[in-house]
Amino acid sequence: MERLLTAEEEKIRGEIRADTTVDKSKTQSVARLNETMSQILLRYNAANGGNWVQQNLADCLTATMQDSLGFLLAGTAEKEISKRPLQTGAVIALLCSVICCLASLLLIVQKLSLLFGCILLVMAVLLAFLSGRLWFGEREVRVQSRLDADTVWRTLKKASATMDRKIETFCEAEDARLQEAQSLSCKAEKAKLSEEELQLFGALLEGLYSGNGDFSLRQLQKIKLYLRHLGIELREYNAENAELFEILPSRKGAATLRPALLDGETLLLPGKATDTEP
């Protein structure tokens, strides 16, 4: 995922810068990033076509990342109005302007000094202007929220690296789980015999090692019960089921040497029998 994303680095940076400076639309940037992640996911799945676990996990992580892109729109841009405090100098300048104005009127009206009257009048205008400059007023500050292409890119790259790491970790854990399950399955197949089977085979071996023929024959009778317990049917020879047996000619007539073993209608092992030649 990180390698595929890095291949789109110039495109992503350029689109974000264009949306920020030209179109000034964060919504458009989010839509572009969403589409880019969808294309990267398609290429990632195509490169990992034989691993459905890896594909599904990448799809889940990409969907989560795409939904998280909405956080880029969470910020707001508002106008801030700040008030400047009243300046003492503005009040003093205003008072001086009033005094100069009154003095100028007095000199001009009384015809005491026209020149000084004009000078004081000019000073009154200048002081009034200075007072206006120093007087408090509202100042409007515009705040514009923008996306930083470099920050967005670093975040995307870090997220893709995390996705790769999580996918690899999950796949390793899944492989370990499958190997453990396979190991347990093999152990189950190689499981020890049941208590009944141990008793049966132990009795047969006892008859073999002791050389006691009567004892061995009595133990062999248990094999029929054991096979029936496994669902295997023992069928003896007669004229109707001759196709289940290997027939050996004999002058003594029909006899079953070994019963046929069947699982339902399936013949597991043909029997052996003797019969007179027709």
C-alpha atoms as a PDB file:
ATOM      1  CA  MET A   1       0.000   0.000   0.000  1.00  0.00           C
ATOM      2  CA  GLU A   2       2.791   2.433   0.872  1.00  0.00           C
ATOM      3  CA  ARG A   3       4.643   1.729  -2.384  1.00  0.00           C
ATOM      4  CA  LEU A   4       1.483   2.235  -4.462  1.00  0.00           C
ATOM      5  CA  LEU A   5       0.714   5.464  -2.587  1.00  0.00           C
ATOM      6  CA  THR A   6       4.263   6.776  -3.071  1.00  0.00           C
ATOM      7  CA  ALA A   7       3.845   6.335  -6.823  1.00  0.00           C
ATOM      8  CA  GLU A   8       0.989   8.877  -6.651  1.00  0.00           C
ATOM      9  CA  GLU A   9       2.889  11.407  -4.491  1.00  0.00           C
ATOM     10  CA  GLU A  10       3.301  14.168  -7.076  1.00  0.00           C
ATOM     11  CA  LYS A  11      -0.313  13.851  -8.202  1.00  0.00           C
ATOM     12  CA  ILE A  12      -1.676  14.011  -4.644  1.00  0.00           C
ATOM     13  CA  ARG A  13       0.473  16.996  -3.654  1.00  0.00           C
ATOM     14  CA  GLY A  14      -0.381  18.889  -6.856  1.00  0.00           C
ATOM     15  CA  GLU A  15      -4.120  18.305  -6.552  1.00  0.00           C
ATOM     16  CA  ILE A  16      -4.207  19.427  -2.920  1.00  0.00           C
ATOM     17  CA  ARG A  17      -2.233  22.590  -3.697  1.00  0.00           C
ATOM     18  CA  ALA A  18      -4.522  23.376  -6.647  1.00  0.00           C
ATOM     19  CA  ASP A  19      -7.660  22.846  -4.575  1.00  0.00           C
ATOM     20  CA  THR A  20      -6.245  25.052  -1.814  1.00  0.00           C
ATOM     21  CA  THR A  21      -4.937  27.966  -3.863  1.00  0.00           C
ATOM     22  CA  VAL A  22      -7.203  27.975  -6.939  1.00  0.00           C
ATOM     23  CA  ASP A  23     -10.512  26.307  -6.151  1.00  0.00           C
ATOM     24  CA  LYS A  24     -10.226  26.859  -2.379  1.00  0.00           C
ATOM     25  CA  SER A  25     -12.315  23.742  -1.731  1.00  0.00           C
ATOM     26  CA  LYS A  26     -11.390  21.244   0.960  1.00  0.00           C
ATOM     27  CA  THR A  27     -14.394  19.105  -0.007  1.00  0.00           C
ATOM     28  CA  GLN A  28     -12.920  18.612  -3.465  1.00  0.00           C
ATOM     29  CA  SER A  29      -9.574  17.595  -1.949  1.00  0.00           C
ATOM     30  CA  VAL A  30     -11.278  14.978   0.240  1.00  0.00           C
ATOM     31  CA  ALA A  31     -13.158  13.595  -2.780  1.00  0.00           C
ATOM     32  CA  ARG A  32      -9.895  13.344  -4.762  1.00  0.00           C
ATOM     33  CA  LEU A  33      -8.124  11.531  -1.890  1.00  0.00           C
ATOM     34  CA  ASN A  34     -11.065   9.145  -1.556  1.00  0.00           C
ATOM     35  CA  GLU A  35     -10.913   8.267  -5.238  1.00  0.00           C
ATOM     36  CA  THR A  36      -7.120   7.859  -5.103  1.00  0.00           C
ATOM     37  CA  MET A  37      -7.394   5.366  -2.221  1.00  0.00           C
ATOM     38  CA  SER A  38     -10.030   3.397  -4.163  1.00  0.00           C
ATOM     39  CA  GLN A  39      -7.702   3.125  -7.173  1.00  0.00           C
ATOM     40  CA  ILE A  40      -4.783   2.078  -4.966  1.00  0.00           C
ATOM     41  CA  LEU A  41      -6.955  -0.635  -3.372  1.00  0.00           C
ATOM     42  CA  LEU A  42      -7.881  -1.999  -6.806  1.00  0.00           C
ATOM     43  CA  ARG A  43      -4.213  -2.234  -7.822  1.00  0.00           C
ATOM     44  CA  TYR A  44      -3.298  -3.785  -4.463  1.00  0.00           C
ATOM     45  CA  ASN A  45      -5.960  -6.493  -4.796  1.00  0.00           C
ATOM     46  CA  ALA A  46      -4.885  -7.183  -8.375  1.00  0.00           C
ATOM     47  CA  ALA A  47      -1.309  -7.741  -7.164  1.00  0.00           C
ATOM     48  CA  ASN A  48      -2.502 -10.118  -4.406  1.00  0.00           C
ATOM     49  CA  GLY A  49      -5.123 -12.064  -6.330  1.00  0.00           C
ATOM     50  CA  GLY A  50      -4.373 -15.397  -4.666  1.00  0.00           C
ATOM     51  CA  ASN A  51      -4.694 -14.217  -1.058  1.00  0.00           C
ATOM     52  CA  TRP A  52      -8.332 -13.465  -0.220  1.00  0.00           C
ATOM     53  CA  VAL A  53      -7.534 -12.872   3.464  1.00  0.00           C
ATOM     54  CA  GLN A  54      -5.045 -10.151   2.561  1.00  0.00           C
ATOM     55  CA  GLN A  55      -7.480  -8.623   0.068  1.00  0.00           C
ATOM     56  CA  ASN A  56     -10.364  -8.501   2.532  1.00  0.00           C
ATOM     57  CA  LEU A  57      -8.184  -7.012   5.260  1.00  0.00           C
ATOM     58  CA  ALA A  58      -6.864  -4.329   2.874  1.00  0.00           C
ATOM     59  CA  ASP A  59     -10.443  -3.514   1.888  1.00  0.00           C
ATOM     60  CA  CYS A  60     -11.457  -3.093   5.560  1.00  0.00           C
ATOM     61  CA  LEU A  61      -8.496  -0.839   6.389  1.00  0.00           C
ATOM     62  CA  THR A  62      -8.925   1.260   3.241  1.00  0.00           C
ATOM     63  CA  ALA A  63     -12.633   1.776   3.943  1.00  0.00           C
ATOM     64  CA  THR A  64     -11.772   2.937   7.456  1.00  0.00           C
ATOM     65  CA  MET A  65      -9.143   5.324   6.119  1.00  0.00           C
ATOM     66  CA  GLN A  66     -11.551   6.742   3.526  1.00  0.00           C
ATOM     67  CA  ASP A  67     -14.198   7.392   6.150  1.00  0.00           C
ATOM     68  CA  SER A  68     -11.578   9.107   8.332  1.00  0.00           C
ATOM     69  CA  LEU A  69     -10.792  11.605   5.557  1.00  0.00           C
ATOM     70  CA  GLY A  70     -13.923  13.459   6.650  1.00  0.00           C
ATOM     71  CA  PHE A  71     -11.930  14.804   9.590  1.00  0.00           C
ATOM     72  CA  LEU A  72     -10.233  17.164   7.127  1.00  0.00           C
ATOM     73  CA  LEU A  73     -13.571  18.978   6.876  1.00  0.00           C
ATOM     74  CA  ALA A  74     -14.059  19.220  10.634  1.00  0.00           C
ATOM     75  CA  GLY A  75     -12.388  22.637  10.946  1.00  0.00           C
ATOM     76  CA  THR A  76     -14.302  25.901  10.476  1.00  0.00           C
ATOM     77  CA  ALA A  77     -13.298  29.331   9.231  1.00  0.00           C
ATOM     78  CA  GLU A  78     -14.846  32.309  11.047  1.00  0.00           C
ATOM     79  CA  LYS A  79     -14.375  36.073  11.058  1.00  0.00           C
ATOM     80  CA  GLU A  80     -12.768  37.392  14.207  1.00  0.00           C
ATOM     81  CA  ILE A  81     -13.583  40.938  15.376  1.00  0.00           C
ATOM     82  CA  SER A  82     -11.026  42.461  17.726  1.00  0.00           C
ATOM     83  CA  LYS A  83     -11.395  45.800  19.532  1.00  0.00           C
ATOM     84  CA  ARG A  84      -8.427  48.049  20.133  1.00  0.00           C
ATOM     85  CA  PRO A  85      -8.287  49.705  23.598  1.00  0.00           C
ATOM     86  CA  LEU A  86      -8.863  53.434  23.969  1.00  0.00           C
ATOM     87  CA  GLN A  87      -5.585  55.329  23.574  1.00  0.00           C
ATOM     88  CA  THR A  88      -4.810  58.143  26.090  1.00  0.00           C
ATOM     89  CA  GLY A  89      -2.901  60.071  23.437  1.00  0.00           C
ATOM     90  CA  ALA A  90      -6.048  60.279  21.287  1.00  0.00           C
ATOM     91  CA  VAL A  91      -7.959  62.037  24.099  1.00  0.00           C
ATOM     92  CA  ILE A  92      -5.110  64.488  24.730  1.00  0.00           C
ATOM     93  CA  ALA A  93      -4.783  65.239  21.012  1.00  0.00           C
ATOM     94  CA  LEU A  94      -8.531  65.836  20.772  1.00  0.00           C
ATOM     95  CA  LEU A  95      -8.505  68.276  23.750  1.00  0.00           C
ATOM     96  CA  CYS A  96      -5.515  70.143  22.291  1.00  0.00           C
ATOM     97  CA  SER A  97      -7.323  70.348  18.949  1.00  0.00           C
ATOM     98  CA  VAL A  98     -10.380  71.900  20.637  1.00  0.00           C
ATOM     99  CA  ILE A  99      -8.224  74.398  22.534  1.00  0.00           C
ATOM    100  CA  CYS A 100      -6.336  75.406  19.381  1.00  0.00           C
ATOM    101  CA  CYS A 101      -9.604  75.779  17.501  1.00  0.00           C
ATOM    102  CA  LEU A 102     -11.111  78.045  20.173  1.00  0.00           C
ATOM    103  CA  ALA A 103      -7.943  80.104  20.430  1.00  0.00           C
ATOM    104  CA  SER A 104      -7.814  80.477  16.641  1.00  0.00           C
ATOM    105  CA  LEU A 105     -11.428  81.683  16.547  1.00  0.00           C
ATOM    106  CA  LEU A 106     -10.749  84.113  19.351  1.00  0.00           C
ATOM    107  CA  LEU A 107      -7.693  85.630  17.575  1.00  0.00           C
ATOM    108  CA  ILE A 108      -9.480  85.862  14.223  1.00  0.00           C
ATOM    109  CA  VAL A 109     -12.758  87.247  15.571  1.00  0.00           C
ATOM    110  CA  GLN A 110     -11.075  89.788  17.837  1.00  0.00           C
ATOM    111  CA  LYS A 111      -8.686  90.655  14.988  1.00  0.00           C
ATOM    112  CA  LEU A 112      -5.765  90.335  17.346  1.00  0.00           C
ATOM    113  CA  SER A 113      -3.542  88.295  15.037  1.00  0.00           C
ATOM    114  CA  LEU A 114      -4.762  86.765  11.800  1.00  0.00           C
ATOM    115  CA  LEU A 115      -1.493  84.911  11.263  1.00  0.00           C
ATOM    116  CA  PHE A 116      -1.470  83.193  14.669  1.00  0.00           C
ATOM    117  CA  GLY A 117      -5.169  82.455  14.273  1.00  0.00           C
ATOM    118  CA  CYS A 118      -4.538  80.584  10.986  1.00  0.00           C
ATOM    119  CA  ILE A 119      -1.584  78.721  12.502  1.00  0.00           C
ATOM    120  CA  LEU A 120      -3.686  77.591  15.482  1.00  0.00           C
ATOM    121  CA  LEU A 121      -6.486  76.554  13.139  1.00  0.00           C
ATOM    122  CA  VAL A 122      -4.084  74.386  11.123  1.00  0.00           C
ATOM    123  CA  MET A 123      -2.737  72.877  14.355  1.00  0.00           C
ATOM    124  CA  ALA A 124      -6.317  72.134  15.474  1.00  0.00           C
ATOM    125  CA  VAL A 125      -6.993  70.242  12.225  1.00  0.00           C
ATOM    126  CA  LEU A 126      -3.761  68.257  12.532  1.00  0.00           C
ATOM    127  CA  LEU A 127      -4.443  67.363  16.175  1.00  0.00           C
ATOM    128  CA  ALA A 128      -7.985  66.303  15.296  1.00  0.00           C
ATOM    129  CA  PHE A 129      -6.648  64.059  12.537  1.00  0.00           C
ATOM    130  CA  LEU A 130      -4.080  62.557  14.922  1.00  0.00           C
ATOM    131  CA  SER A 131      -6.763  61.937  17.513  1.00  0.00           C
ATOM    132  CA  GLY A 132      -8.852  60.101  14.939  1.00  0.00           C
ATOM    133  CA  ARG A 133      -5.917  57.885  14.026  1.00  0.00           C
ATOM    134  CA  LEU A 134      -5.282  57.020  17.631  1.00  0.00           C
ATOM    135  CA  TRP A 135      -8.924  56.584  18.593  1.00  0.00           C
ATOM    136  CA  PHE A 136     -10.115  52.992  19.175  1.00  0.00           C
ATOM    137  CA  GLY A 137     -12.151  51.199  16.523  1.00  0.00           C
ATOM    138  CA  GLU A 138     -13.242  47.753  15.428  1.00  0.00           C
ATOM    139  CA  ARG A 139     -10.839  45.788  13.292  1.00  0.00           C
ATOM    140  CA  GLU A 140     -12.075  42.861  11.204  1.00  0.00           C
ATOM    141  CA  VAL A 141      -9.724  39.888  10.847  1.00  0.00           C
ATOM    142  CA  ARG A 142     -10.395  37.247   8.189  1.00  0.00           C
ATOM    143  CA  VAL A 143      -9.372  33.663   8.938  1.00  0.00           C
ATOM    144  CA  GLN A 144      -9.157  31.156   6.090  1.00  0.00           C
ATOM    145  CA  SER A 145      -8.783  27.450   6.728  1.00  0.00           C
ATOM    146  CA  ARG A 146      -6.557  25.615   4.251  1.00  0.00           C
ATOM    147  CA  LEU A 147      -5.070  22.156   3.793  1.00  0.00           C
ATOM    148  CA  ASP A 148      -1.307  21.803   4.042  1.00  0.00           C
ATOM    149  CA  ALA A 149      -0.299  19.464   1.210  1.00  0.00           C
ATOM    150  CA  ASP A 150       2.884  18.354   2.980  1.00  0.00           C
ATOM    151  CA  THR A 151       1.088  17.538   6.240  1.00  0.00           C
ATOM    152  CA  VAL A 152      -1.683  15.636   4.440  1.00  0.00           C
ATOM    153  CA  TRP A 153       0.877  13.669   2.469  1.00  0.00           C
ATOM    154  CA  ARG A 154       2.905  12.717   5.541  1.00  0.00           C
ATOM    155  CA  THR A 155      -0.281  11.584   7.275  1.00  0.00           C
ATOM    156  CA  LEU A 156      -1.355   9.455   4.305  1.00  0.00           C
ATOM    157  CA  LYS A 157       2.064   7.856   4.017  1.00  0.00           C
ATOM    158  CA  LYS A 158       2.167   7.059   7.717  1.00  0.00           C
ATOM    159  CA  ALA A 159      -1.335   5.576   7.545  1.00  0.00           C
ATOM    160  CA  SER A 160      -0.429   3.399   4.537  1.00  0.00           C
ATOM    161  CA  ALA A 161       2.670   2.122   6.341  1.00  0.00           C
ATOM    162  CA  THR A 162       0.492   1.231   9.322  1.00  0.00           C
ATOM    163  CA  MET A 163      -1.910  -0.591   7.005  1.00  0.00           C
ATOM    164  CA  ASP A 164       0.956  -2.639   5.548  1.00  0.00           C
ATOM    165  CA  ARG A 165       2.222  -3.500   9.018  1.00  0.00           C
ATOM    166  CA  LYS A 166      -1.210  -4.539  10.280  1.00  0.00           C
ATOM    167  CA  ILE A 167      -1.901  -6.633   7.181  1.00  0.00           C
ATOM    168  CA  GLU A 168       1.446  -8.411   7.536  1.00  0.00           C
ATOM    169  CA  THR A 169       0.891  -9.021  11.250  1.00  0.00           C
ATOM    170  CA  PHE A 170      -2.603 -10.374  10.655  1.00  0.00           C
ATOM    171  CA  CYS A 171      -1.439 -12.674   7.848  1.00  0.00           C
ATOM    172  CA  GLU A 172       1.381 -14.033  10.011  1.00  0.00           C
ATOM    173  CA  ALA A 173      -1.076 -14.727  12.830  1.00  0.00           C
ATOM    174  CA  GLU A 174      -3.497 -16.378  10.394  1.00  0.00           C
ATOM    175  CA  ASP A 175      -0.730 -18.591   8.966  1.00  0.00           C
ATOM    176  CA  ALA A 176       0.288 -19.603  12.488  1.00  0.00           C
ATOM    177  CA  ARG A 177      -3.336 -20.421  13.313  1.00  0.00           C
ATOM    178  CA  LEU A 178      -3.728 -22.552  10.192  1.00  0.00           C
ATOM    179  CA  GLN A 179      -0.477 -24.398  10.895  1.00  0.00           C
ATOM    180  CA  GLU A 180      -1.582 -25.069  14.454  1.00  0.00           C
ATOM    181  CA  ALA A 181      -4.967 -26.308  13.259  1.00  0.00           C
ATOM    182  CA  GLN A 182      -3.271 -28.565  10.729  1.00  0.00           C
ATOM    183  CA  SER A 183      -0.934 -29.893  13.410  1.00  0.00           C
ATOM    184  CA  LEU A 184      -3.852 -30.636  15.717  1.00  0.00           C
ATOM    185  CA  SER A 185      -5.660 -32.349  12.852  1.00  0.00           C
ATOM    186  CA  CYS A 186      -2.639 -34.558  12.170  1.00  0.00           C
ATOM    187  CA  LYS A 187      -2.387 -35.408  15.841  1.00  0.00           C
ATOM    188  CA  ALA A 188      -6.065 -36.303  15.882  1.00  0.00           C
ATOM    189  CA  GLU A 189      -5.575 -38.612  12.919  1.00  0.00           C
ATOM    190  CA  LYS A 190      -2.707 -40.275  14.746  1.00  0.00           C
ATOM    191  CA  ALA A 191      -4.675 -40.524  17.968  1.00  0.00           C
ATOM    192  CA  LYS A 192      -4.240 -43.557  20.191  1.00  0.00           C
ATOM    193  CA  LEU A 193      -6.629 -46.513  20.061  1.00  0.00           C
ATOM    194  CA  SER A 194      -9.736 -46.469  22.198  1.00  0.00           C
ATOM    195  CA  GLU A 195      -9.969 -48.559  25.364  1.00  0.00           C
ATOM    196  CA  GLU A 196     -12.131 -51.207  23.612  1.00  0.00           C
ATOM    197  CA  GLU A 197      -9.665 -51.474  20.731  1.00  0.00           C
ATOM    198  CA  LEU A 198      -6.753 -51.856  23.116  1.00  0.00           C
ATOM    199  CA  GLN A 199      -8.554 -54.633  24.993  1.00  0.00           C
ATOM    200  CA  LEU A 200      -9.391 -56.449  21.744  1.00  0.00           C
ATOM    201  CA  PHE A 201      -5.910 -56.302  20.235  1.00  0.00           C
ATOM    202  CA  GLY A 202      -4.340 -57.098  23.597  1.00  0.00           C
ATOM    203  CA  ALA A 203      -6.439 -60.280  23.870  1.00  0.00           C
ATOM    204  CA  LEU A 204      -5.512 -61.329  20.329  1.00  0.00           C
ATOM    205  CA  LEU A 205      -1.823 -60.805  21.019  1.00  0.00           C
ATOM    206  CA  GLU A 206      -2.158 -62.748  24.252  1.00  0.00           C
ATOM    207  CA  GLY A 207      -3.583 -65.699  22.329  1.00  0.00           C
ATOM    208  CA  LEU A 208      -0.773 -65.422  19.782  1.00  0.00           C
ATOM    209  CA  TYR A 209       2.013 -65.335  22.338  1.00  0.00           C
ATOM    210  CA  SER A 210       0.523 -67.960  24.643  1.00  0.00           C
ATOM    211  CA  GLY A 211      -0.076 -70.459  21.830  1.00  0.00           C
ATOM    212  CA  ASN A 212      -3.467 -71.297  23.352  1.00  0.00           C
ATOM    213  CA  GLY A 213      -5.686 -72.105  20.364  1.00  0.00           C
ATOM    214  CA  ASP A 214      -8.988 -72.283  22.239  1.00  0.00           C
ATOM    215  CA  PHE A 215      -8.322 -68.948  23.943  1.00  0.00           C
ATOM    216  CA  SER A 216      -7.400 -67.349  20.615  1.00  0.00           C
ATOM    217  CA  LEU A 217     -10.589 -68.602  18.960  1.00  0.00           C
ATOM    218  CA  ARG A 218     -12.733 -67.138  21.747  1.00  0.00           C
ATOM    219  CA  GLN A 219     -11.019 -63.773  21.372  1.00  0.00           C
ATOM    220  CA  LEU A 220     -11.490 -63.837  17.599  1.00  0.00           C
ATOM    221  CA  GLN A 221     -15.250 -63.931  18.130  1.00  0.00           C
ATOM    222  CA  LYS A 222     -14.998 -60.344  19.412  1.00  0.00           C
ATOM    223  CA  ILE A 223     -13.886 -59.115  15.980  1.00  0.00           C
ATOM    224  CA  LYS A 224     -17.443 -59.515  14.655  1.00  0.00           C
ATOM    225  CA  LEU A 225     -18.803 -57.217  17.354  1.00  0.00           C
ATOM    226  CA  TYR A 226     -15.991 -54.744  16.779  1.00  0.00           C
ATOM    227  CA  LEU A 227     -16.656 -54.536  13.030  1.00  0.00           C
ATOM    228  CA  ARG A 228     -20.415 -54.161  13.550  1.00  0.00           C
ATOM    229  CA  HIS A 229     -19.638 -51.305  15.966  1.00  0.00           C
ATOM    230  CA  LEU A 230     -17.782 -49.598  13.092  1.00  0.00           C
ATOM    231  CA  GLY A 231     -20.810 -50.069  10.813  1.00  0.00           C
ATOM    232  CA  ILE A 232     -19.250 -52.853   8.769  1.00  0.00           C
ATOM    233  CA  GLU A 233     -21.518 -55.749   7.856  1.00  0.00           C
ATOM    234  CA  LEU A 234     -20.222 -59.323   7.680  1.00  0.00           C
ATOM    235  CA  ARG A 235     -21.976 -61.447   5.106  1.00  0.00           C
ATOM    236  CA  GLU A 236     -21.518 -65.232   4.783  1.00  0.00           C
ATOM    237  CA  TYR A 237     -21.570 -67.149   1.518  1.00  0.00           C
ATOM    238  CA  ASN A 238     -24.725 -68.450  -0.116  1.00  0.00           C
ATOM    239  CA  ALA A 239     -25.948 -68.904  -3.662  1.00  0.00           C
ATOM    240  CA  GLU A 240     -27.638 -65.478  -3.738  1.00  0.00           C
ATOM    241  CA  ASN A 241     -24.528 -63.423  -2.928  1.00  0.00           C
ATOM    242  CA  ALA A 242     -21.910 -65.441  -4.786  1.00  0.00           C
ATOM    243  CA  GLU A 243     -20.769 -62.299  -6.623  1.00  0.00           C
ATOM    244  CA  LEU A 244     -19.318 -61.011  -3.315  1.00  0.00           C
ATOM    245  CA  PHE A 245     -16.929 -63.949  -2.936  1.00  0.00           C
ATOM    246  CA  GLU A 246     -13.921 -65.583  -4.505  1.00  0.00           C
ATOM    247  CA  ILE A 247     -15.105 -69.138  -5.082  1.00  0.00           C
ATOM    248  CA  LEU A 248     -12.655 -72.009  -4.625  1.00  0.00           C
ATOM    249  CA  PRO A 249     -13.681 -75.475  -5.896  1.00  0.00           C
ATOM    250  CA  SER A 250     -14.107 -78.147  -3.245  1.00  0.00           C
ATOM    251  CA  ARG A 251     -15.659 -81.625  -3.010  1.00  0.00           C
ATOM    252  CA  LYS A 252     -16.931 -80.994   0.527  1.00  0.00           C
ATOM    253  CA  GLY A 253     -19.616 -78.551  -0.616  1.00  0.00           C
ATOM    254  CA  ALA A 254     -20.340 -74.884   0.146  1.00  0.00           C
ATOM    255  CA  ALA A 255     -18.487 -73.244   3.044  1.00  0.00           C
ATOM    256  CA  THR A 256     -17.438 -69.706   4.025  1.00  0.00           C
ATOM    257  CA  LEU A 257     -13.693 -69.275   4.463  1.00  0.00           C
ATOM    258  CA  ARG A 258     -13.855 -65.494   4.984  1.00  0.00           C
ATOM    259  CA  PRO A 259     -17.006 -63.359   5.133  1.00  0.00           C
ATOM    260  CA  ALA A 260     -17.451 -60.455   2.757  1.00  0.00           C
ATOM    261  CA  LEU A 261     -17.137 -56.997   4.381  1.00  0.00           C
ATOM    262  CA  LEU A 262     -19.681 -54.356   3.317  1.00  0.00           C
ATOM    263  CA  ASP A 263     -20.348 -50.753   4.284  1.00  0.00           C
ATOM    264  CA  GLY A 264     -23.974 -50.368   3.310  1.00  0.00           C
ATOM    265  CA  GLU A 265     -24.048 -51.408  -0.344  1.00  0.00           C
ATOM    266  CA  THR A 266     -20.316 -50.838  -0.850  1.00  0.00           C
ATOM    267  CA  LEU A 267     -18.085 -53.922  -0.924  1.00  0.00           C
ATOM    268  CA  LEU A 268     -15.019 -53.235   1.187  1.00  0.00           C
ATOM    269  CA  LEU A 269     -13.364 -56.648   0.965  1.00  0.00           C
ATOM    270  CA  PRO A 270     -14.507 -59.675  -1.061  1.00  0.00           C
ATOM    271  CA  GLY A 271     -15.041 -62.851   0.913  1.00  0.00           C
ATOM    272  CA  LYS A 272     -13.634 -66.318   0.236  1.00  0.00           C
ATOM    273  CA  ALA A 273     -15.735 -69.455   0.005  1.00  0.00           C
ATOM    274  CA  THR A 274     -15.609 -73.031  -1.281  1.00  0.00           C
ATOM    275  CA  ASP A 275     -18.269 -74.739  -3.363  1.00  0.00           C
ATOM    276  CA  THR A 276     -18.620 -77.767  -5.544  1.00  0.00           C
ATOM    277  CA  GLU A 277     -18.156 -77.280  -9.236  1.00  0.00           C
ATOM    278  CA  PRO A 278     -21.445 -77.053 -11.139  1.00  0.00           C
END
